[in-house]
Amino acid sequence: MPKVIFDSERCKGCGLCPTVCPKEIIKMSDRINSKGYHPAYVDDSDMEKCIGCAFCYEICPDAVIEVYKEEKTK
């Protein structure tokens, strides 16, 4: 199962990643990180909907997103 991880302390809350998520599972947090921004996140309950497309990773200007995909075995 694909998984997305956000470095919430480095996220500047630009809001770009939710705009490119085809499953619309990325949200902006109500909490504020140590730099004063509302970081992006995915609820644990929504993580199963992630398809590992990495669009969020590609659009992130600060490289705070990691996408893990399941390796296909031959």
PDB file of N, CA and C in Angstrom:
ATOM      1  N   MET A   1       0.843  -1.182   0.000  1.00  0.00           N
ATOM      2  CA  MET A   1       0.000   0.000   0.000  1.00  0.00           C
ATOM      3  C   MET A   1       0.888   1.245   0.000  1.00  0.00           C
ATOM      4  N   PRO A   2       0.635   2.189  -0.887  1.00  0.00           N
ATOM      5  CA  PRO A   2       1.399   3.445  -0.901  1.00  0.00           C
ATOM      6  C   PRO A   2       1.182   4.237   0.389  1.00  0.00           C
ATOM      7  N   LYS A   3       2.154   5.067   0.683  1.00  0.00           N
ATOM      8  CA  LYS A   3       2.083   5.880   1.899  1.00  0.00           C
ATOM      9  C   LYS A   3       2.769   7.217   1.644  1.00  0.00           C
ATOM     10  N   VAL A   4       2.189   8.288   2.181  1.00  0.00           N
ATOM     11  CA  VAL A   4       2.776   9.625   2.056  1.00  0.00           C
ATOM     12  C   VAL A   4       3.130  10.116   3.447  1.00  0.00           C
ATOM     13  N   ILE A   5       4.313  10.678   3.566  1.00  0.00           N
ATOM     14  CA  ILE A   5       4.749  11.235   4.851  1.00  0.00           C
ATOM     15  C   ILE A   5       5.160  12.684   4.642  1.00  0.00           C
ATOM     16  N   PHE A   6       4.641  13.549   5.490  1.00  0.00           N
ATOM     17  CA  PHE A   6       4.943  14.975   5.443  1.00  0.00           C
ATOM     18  C   PHE A   6       5.843  15.333   6.614  1.00  0.00           C
ATOM     19  N   ASP A   7       6.865  16.130   6.373  1.00  0.00           N
ATOM     20  CA  ASP A   7       7.690  16.663   7.459  1.00  0.00           C
ATOM     21  C   ASP A   7       6.964  17.923   7.918  1.00  0.00           C
ATOM     22  N   SER A   8       6.062  17.749   8.869  1.00  0.00           N
ATOM     23  CA  SER A   8       5.181  18.845   9.272  1.00  0.00           C
ATOM     24  C   SER A   8       5.913  20.034   9.880  1.00  0.00           C
ATOM     25  N   GLU A   9       7.093  19.826  10.411  1.00  0.00           N
ATOM     26  CA  GLU A   9       7.847  20.946  10.977  1.00  0.00           C
ATOM     27  C   GLU A   9       8.513  21.800   9.893  1.00  0.00           C
ATOM     28  N   ARG A  10       8.755  21.235   8.723  1.00  0.00           N
ATOM     29  CA  ARG A  10       9.354  21.996   7.621  1.00  0.00           C
ATOM     30  C   ARG A  10       8.319  22.526   6.631  1.00  0.00           C
ATOM     31  N   CYS A  11       7.093  22.010   6.700  1.00  0.00           N
ATOM     32  CA  CYS A  11       6.035  22.426   5.773  1.00  0.00           C
ATOM     33  C   CYS A  11       5.656  23.879   6.021  1.00  0.00           C
ATOM     34  N   LYS A  12       5.582  24.656   4.947  1.00  0.00           N
ATOM     35  CA  LYS A  12       5.221  26.074   5.052  1.00  0.00           C
ATOM     36  C   LYS A  12       3.750  26.332   4.755  1.00  0.00           C
ATOM     37  N   GLY A  13       2.977  25.255   4.584  1.00  0.00           N
ATOM     38  CA  GLY A  13       1.531  25.406   4.407  1.00  0.00           C
ATOM     39  C   GLY A  13       1.144  26.149   3.143  1.00  0.00           C
ATOM     40  N   CYS A  14       1.879  25.963   2.070  1.00  0.00           N
ATOM     41  CA  CYS A  14       1.590  26.704   0.831  1.00  0.00           C
ATOM     42  C   CYS A  14       0.265  26.285   0.203  1.00  0.00           C
ATOM     43  N   GLY A  15      -0.176  25.051   0.492  1.00  0.00           N
ATOM     44  CA  GLY A  15      -1.464  24.590  -0.018  1.00  0.00           C
ATOM     45  C   GLY A  15      -1.445  24.054  -1.438  1.00  0.00           C
ATOM     46  N   LEU A  16      -0.265  23.834  -1.998  1.00  0.00           N
ATOM     47  CA  LEU A  16      -0.189  23.310  -3.362  1.00  0.00           C
ATOM     48  C   LEU A  16      -0.536  21.822  -3.438  1.00  0.00           C
ATOM     49  N   CYS A  17      -0.084  21.043  -2.476  1.00  0.00           N
ATOM     50  CA  CYS A  17      -0.270  19.592  -2.554  1.00  0.00           C
ATOM     51  C   CYS A  17      -1.743  19.157  -2.581  1.00  0.00           C
ATOM     52  N   PRO A  18      -2.628  19.767  -1.804  1.00  0.00           N
ATOM     53  CA  PRO A  18      -4.030  19.345  -1.902  1.00  0.00           C
ATOM     54  C   PRO A  18      -4.635  19.602  -3.287  1.00  0.00           C
ATOM     55  N   THR A  19      -4.115  20.567  -4.007  1.00  0.00           N
ATOM     56  CA  THR A  19      -4.687  20.907  -5.318  1.00  0.00           C
ATOM     57  C   THR A  19      -4.374  19.865  -6.386  1.00  0.00           C
ATOM     58  N   VAL A  20      -3.327  19.054  -6.182  1.00  0.00           N
ATOM     59  CA  VAL A  20      -2.947  18.073  -7.194  1.00  0.00           C
ATOM     60  C   VAL A  20      -3.282  16.633  -6.805  1.00  0.00           C
ATOM     61  N   CYS A  21      -3.792  16.416  -5.620  1.00  0.00           N
ATOM     62  CA  CYS A  21      -4.108  15.063  -5.160  1.00  0.00           C
ATOM     63  C   CYS A  21      -5.380  14.564  -5.848  1.00  0.00           C
ATOM     64  N   PRO A  22      -5.258  13.524  -6.693  1.00  0.00           N
ATOM     65  CA  PRO A  22      -6.434  13.025  -7.396  1.00  0.00           C
ATOM     66  C   PRO A  22      -7.467  12.374  -6.477  1.00  0.00           C
ATOM     67  N   LYS A  23      -7.048  11.933  -5.303  1.00  0.00           N
ATOM     68  CA  LYS A  23      -7.963  11.302  -4.347  1.00  0.00           C
ATOM     69  C   LYS A  23      -8.490  12.295  -3.312  1.00  0.00           C
ATOM     70  N   GLU A  24      -7.979  13.530  -3.345  1.00  0.00           N
ATOM     71  CA  GLU A  24      -8.409  14.602  -2.435  1.00  0.00           C
ATOM     72  C   GLU A  24      -8.311  14.205  -0.963  1.00  0.00           C
ATOM     73  N   ILE A  25      -7.189  13.585  -0.606  1.00  0.00           N
ATOM     74  CA  ILE A  25      -7.010  13.150   0.780  1.00  0.00           C
ATOM     75  C   ILE A  25      -6.051  14.040   1.571  1.00  0.00           C
ATOM     76  N   ILE A  26      -5.363  14.957   0.889  1.00  0.00           N
ATOM     77  CA  ILE A  26      -4.423  15.842   1.586  1.00  0.00           C
ATOM     78  C   ILE A  26      -5.184  17.047   2.124  1.00  0.00           C
ATOM     79  N   LYS A  27      -4.952  17.337   3.401  1.00  0.00           N
ATOM     80  CA  LYS A  27      -5.632  18.445   4.062  1.00  0.00           C
ATOM     81  C   LYS A  27      -4.605  19.370   4.703  1.00  0.00           C
ATOM     82  N   MET A  28      -5.050  20.562   5.020  1.00  0.00           N
ATOM     83  CA  MET A  28      -4.201  21.496   5.745  1.00  0.00           C
ATOM     84  C   MET A  28      -4.628  21.459   7.215  1.00  0.00           C
ATOM     85  N   SER A  29      -3.658  21.309   8.076  1.00  0.00           N
ATOM     86  CA  SER A  29      -3.921  21.166   9.506  1.00  0.00           C
ATOM     87  C   SER A  29      -4.422  22.452  10.149  1.00  0.00           C
ATOM     88  N   ASP A  30      -5.206  22.292  11.204  1.00  0.00           N
ATOM     89  CA  ASP A  30      -5.636  23.436  12.014  1.00  0.00           C
ATOM     90  C   ASP A  30      -4.523  23.830  12.984  1.00  0.00           C
ATOM     91  N   ARG A  31      -3.662  22.878  13.292  1.00  0.00           N
ATOM     92  CA  ARG A  31      -2.575  23.169  14.236  1.00  0.00           C
ATOM     93  C   ARG A  31      -1.469  23.945  13.524  1.00  0.00           C
ATOM     94  N   ILE A  32      -0.672  24.618  14.299  1.00  0.00           N
ATOM     95  CA  ILE A  32       0.423  25.431  13.762  1.00  0.00           C
ATOM     96  C   ILE A  32       1.745  24.776  14.151  1.00  0.00           C
ATOM     97  N   ASN A  33       2.645  24.655  13.186  1.00  0.00           N
ATOM     98  CA  ASN A  33       3.951  24.056  13.495  1.00  0.00           C
ATOM     99  C   ASN A  33       4.854  25.097  14.165  1.00  0.00           C
ATOM    100  N   SER A  34       6.077  24.715  14.484  1.00  0.00           N
ATOM    101  CA  SER A  34       6.979  25.605  15.225  1.00  0.00           C
ATOM    102  C   SER A  34       7.391  26.844  14.433  1.00  0.00           C
ATOM    103  N   LYS A  35       7.184  26.812  13.113  1.00  0.00           N
ATOM    104  CA  LYS A  35       7.520  27.983  12.293  1.00  0.00           C
ATOM    105  C   LYS A  35       6.319  28.890  12.051  1.00  0.00           C
ATOM    106  N   GLY A  36       5.162  28.504  12.591  1.00  0.00           N
ATOM    107  CA  GLY A  36       3.968  29.339  12.482  1.00  0.00           C
ATOM    108  C   GLY A  36       3.081  29.044  11.284  1.00  0.00           C
ATOM    109  N   TYR A  37       3.260  27.874  10.665  1.00  0.00           N
ATOM    110  CA  TYR A  37       2.470  27.501   9.487  1.00  0.00           C
ATOM    111  C   TYR A  37       1.510  26.358   9.796  1.00  0.00           C
ATOM    112  N   HIS A  38       0.460  26.264   8.998  1.00  0.00           N
ATOM    113  CA  HIS A  38      -0.481  25.147   9.072  1.00  0.00           C
ATOM    114  C   HIS A  38      -0.006  24.089   8.073  1.00  0.00           C
ATOM    115  N   PRO A  39       0.601  23.004   8.554  1.00  0.00           N
ATOM    116  CA  PRO A  39       1.166  22.008   7.645  1.00  0.00           C
ATOM    117  C   PRO A  39       0.114  21.107   6.986  1.00  0.00           C
ATOM    118  N   ALA A  40       0.499  20.516   5.882  1.00  0.00           N
ATOM    119  CA  ALA A  40      -0.348  19.555   5.189  1.00  0.00           C
ATOM    120  C   ALA A  40      -0.230  18.199   5.870  1.00  0.00           C
ATOM    121  N   TYR A  41      -1.257  17.370   5.698  1.00  0.00           N
ATOM    122  CA  TYR A  41      -1.229  16.025   6.266  1.00  0.00           C
ATOM    123  C   TYR A  41      -2.281  15.153   5.571  1.00  0.00           C
ATOM    124  N   VAL A  42      -2.203  13.858   5.831  1.00  0.00           N
ATOM    125  CA  VAL A  42      -3.223  12.911   5.388  1.00  0.00           C
ATOM    126  C   VAL A  42      -3.675  12.152   6.629  1.00  0.00           C
ATOM    127  N   ASP A  43      -4.978  12.105   6.850  1.00  0.00           N
ATOM    128  CA  ASP A  43      -5.513  11.322   7.964  1.00  0.00           C
ATOM    129  C   ASP A  43      -5.127   9.862   7.795  1.00  0.00           C
ATOM    130  N   ASP A  44      -4.854   9.189   8.903  1.00  0.00           N
ATOM    131  CA  ASP A  44      -4.533   7.762   8.836  1.00  0.00           C
ATOM    132  C   ASP A  44      -5.667   6.980   8.175  1.00  0.00           C
ATOM    133  N   SER A  45      -6.903   7.402   8.424  1.00  0.00           N
ATOM    134  CA  SER A  45      -8.053   6.700   7.847  1.00  0.00           C
ATOM    135  C   SER A  45      -8.146   6.878   6.334  1.00  0.00           C
ATOM    136  N   ASP A  46      -7.539   7.935   5.802  1.00  0.00           N
ATOM    137  CA  ASP A  46      -7.559   8.191   4.360  1.00  0.00           C
ATOM    138  C   ASP A  46      -6.335   7.634   3.640  1.00  0.00           C
ATOM    139  N   MET A  47      -5.310   7.239   4.384  1.00  0.00           N
ATOM    140  CA  MET A  47      -4.059   6.797   3.771  1.00  0.00           C
ATOM    141  C   MET A  47      -4.277   5.615   2.828  1.00  0.00           C
ATOM    142  N   GLU A  48      -5.250   4.771   3.128  1.00  0.00           N
ATOM    143  CA  GLU A  48      -5.516   3.610   2.277  1.00  0.00           C
ATOM    144  C   GLU A  48      -6.011   4.006   0.882  1.00  0.00           C
ATOM    145  N   LYS A  49      -6.471   5.238   0.732  1.00  0.00           N
ATOM    146  CA  LYS A  49      -6.935   5.724  -0.568  1.00  0.00           C
ATOM    147  C   LYS A  49      -5.791   6.234  -1.446  1.00  0.00           C
ATOM    148  N   CYS A  50      -4.620   6.425  -0.850  1.00  0.00           N
ATOM    149  CA  CYS A  50      -3.464   6.929  -1.585  1.00  0.00           C
ATOM    150  C   CYS A  50      -3.067   5.942  -2.681  1.00  0.00           C
ATOM    151  N   ILE A  51      -2.840   6.455  -3.885  1.00  0.00           N
ATOM    152  CA  ILE A  51      -2.448   5.598  -5.004  1.00  0.00           C
ATOM    153  C   ILE A  51      -0.956   5.722  -5.326  1.00  0.00           C
ATOM    154  N   GLY A  52      -0.249   6.529  -4.571  1.00  0.00           N
ATOM    155  CA  GLY A  52       1.195   6.664  -4.752  1.00  0.00           C
ATOM    156  C   GLY A  52       1.600   7.373  -6.028  1.00  0.00           C
ATOM    157  N   CYS A  53       0.765   8.279  -6.509  1.00  0.00           N
ATOM    158  CA  CYS A  53       1.046   8.974  -7.776  1.00  0.00           C
ATOM    159  C   CYS A  53       2.226   9.939  -7.670  1.00  0.00           C
ATOM    160  N   ALA A  54       2.513  10.419  -6.458  1.00  0.00           N
ATOM    161  CA  ALA A  54       3.618  11.338  -6.167  1.00  0.00           C
ATOM    162  C   ALA A  54       3.438  12.731  -6.754  1.00  0.00           C
ATOM    163  N   PHE A  55       2.235  13.098  -7.126  1.00  0.00           N
ATOM    164  CA  PHE A  55       1.983  14.459  -7.608  1.00  0.00           C
ATOM    165  C   PHE A  55       2.287  15.466  -6.495  1.00  0.00           C
ATOM    166  N   CYS A  56       1.939  15.129  -5.261  1.00  0.00           N
ATOM    167  CA  CYS A  56       2.198  16.018  -4.124  1.00  0.00           C
ATOM    168  C   CYS A  56       3.706  16.212  -3.947  1.00  0.00           C
ATOM    169  N   TYR A  57       4.443  15.129  -4.063  1.00  0.00           N
ATOM    170  CA  TYR A  57       5.904  15.171  -3.953  1.00  0.00           C
ATOM    171  C   TYR A  57       6.497  16.091  -5.020  1.00  0.00           C
ATOM    172  N   GLU A  58       6.003  15.953  -6.240  1.00  0.00           N
ATOM    173  CA  GLU A  58       6.539  16.737  -7.352  1.00  0.00           C
ATOM    174  C   GLU A  58       6.251  18.232  -7.238  1.00  0.00           C
ATOM    175  N   ILE A  59       5.102  18.593  -6.672  1.00  0.00           N
ATOM    176  CA  ILE A  59       4.732  20.010  -6.623  1.00  0.00           C
ATOM    177  C   ILE A  59       5.265  20.718  -5.377  1.00  0.00           C
ATOM    178  N   CYS A  60       5.711  19.974  -4.387  1.00  0.00           N
ATOM    179  CA  CYS A  60       6.161  20.586  -3.125  1.00  0.00           C
ATOM    180  C   CYS A  60       7.443  21.397  -3.327  1.00  0.00           C
ATOM    181  N   PRO A  61       7.395  22.710  -3.120  1.00  0.00           N
ATOM    182  CA  PRO A  61       8.580  23.552  -3.330  1.00  0.00           C
ATOM    183  C   PRO A  61       9.662  23.379  -2.264  1.00  0.00           C
ATOM    184  N   ASP A  62       9.302  22.793  -1.134  1.00  0.00           N
ATOM    185  CA  ASP A  62      10.262  22.655  -0.047  1.00  0.00           C
ATOM    186  C   ASP A  62      10.692  21.214   0.221  1.00  0.00           C
ATOM    187  N   ALA A  63      10.292  20.297  -0.637  1.00  0.00           N
ATOM    188  CA  ALA A  63      10.672  18.882  -0.531  1.00  0.00           C
ATOM    189  C   ALA A  63      10.417  18.312   0.862  1.00  0.00           C
ATOM    190  N   VAL A  64       9.210  18.503   1.368  1.00  0.00           N
ATOM    191  CA  VAL A  64       8.867  17.995   2.697  1.00  0.00           C
ATOM    192  C   VAL A  64       7.995  16.741   2.628  1.00  0.00           C
ATOM    193  N   ILE A  65       7.761  16.224   1.421  1.00  0.00           N
ATOM    194  CA  ILE A  65       6.887  15.070   1.240  1.00  0.00           C
ATOM    195  C   ILE A  65       7.682  13.875   0.734  1.00  0.00           C
ATOM    196  N   GLU A  66       7.435  12.730   1.355  1.00  0.00           N
ATOM    197  CA  GLU A  66       8.026  11.474   0.904  1.00  0.00           C
ATOM    198  C   GLU A  66       6.885  10.541   0.517  1.00  0.00           C
ATOM    199  N   VAL A  67       7.038   9.862  -0.612  1.00  0.00           N
ATOM    200  CA  VAL A  67       6.029   8.911  -1.066  1.00  0.00           C
ATOM    201  C   VAL A  67       6.666   7.538  -1.134  1.00  0.00           C
ATOM    202  N   TYR A  68       6.035   6.599  -0.457  1.00  0.00           N
ATOM    203  CA  TYR A  68       6.516   5.215  -0.474  1.00  0.00           C
ATOM    204  C   TYR A  68       5.517   4.379  -1.250  1.00  0.00           C
ATOM    205  N   LYS A  69       6.040   3.630  -2.215  1.00  0.00           N
ATOM    206  CA  LYS A  69       5.206   2.761  -3.025  1.00  0.00           C
ATOM    207  C   LYS A  69       5.574   1.318  -2.774  1.00  0.00           C
ATOM    208  N   GLU A  70       4.621   0.454  -2.972  1.00  0.00           N
ATOM    209  CA  GLU A  70       4.853  -0.970  -2.827  1.00  0.00           C
ATOM    210  C   GLU A  70       5.657  -1.471  -4.019  1.00  0.00           C
ATOM    211  N   GLU A  71       6.709  -2.198  -3.745  1.00  0.00           N
ATOM    212  CA  GLU A  71       7.508  -2.746  -4.833  1.00  0.00           C
ATOM    213  C   GLU A  71       6.781  -3.922  -5.455  1.00  0.00           C
ATOM    214  N   LYS A  72       6.795  -3.948  -6.775  1.00  0.00           N
ATOM    215  CA  LYS A  72       6.165  -5.052  -7.480  1.00  0.00           C
ATOM    216  C   LYS A  72       7.189  -6.164  -7.633  1.00  0.00           C
ATOM    217  N   THR A  73       6.788  -7.370  -7.287  1.00  0.00           N
ATOM    218  CA  THR A  73       7.683  -8.510  -7.446  1.00  0.00           C
ATOM    219  C   THR A  73       7.377  -9.223  -8.762  1.00  0.00           C
ATOM    220  N   LYS A  74       8.401  -9.783  -9.342  1.00  0.00           N
ATOM    221  CA  LYS A  74       8.224 -10.454 -10.639  1.00  0.00           C
ATOM    222  C   LYS A  74       7.726 -11.864 -10.481  1.00  0.00           C
TER     223      LYS A  74
END
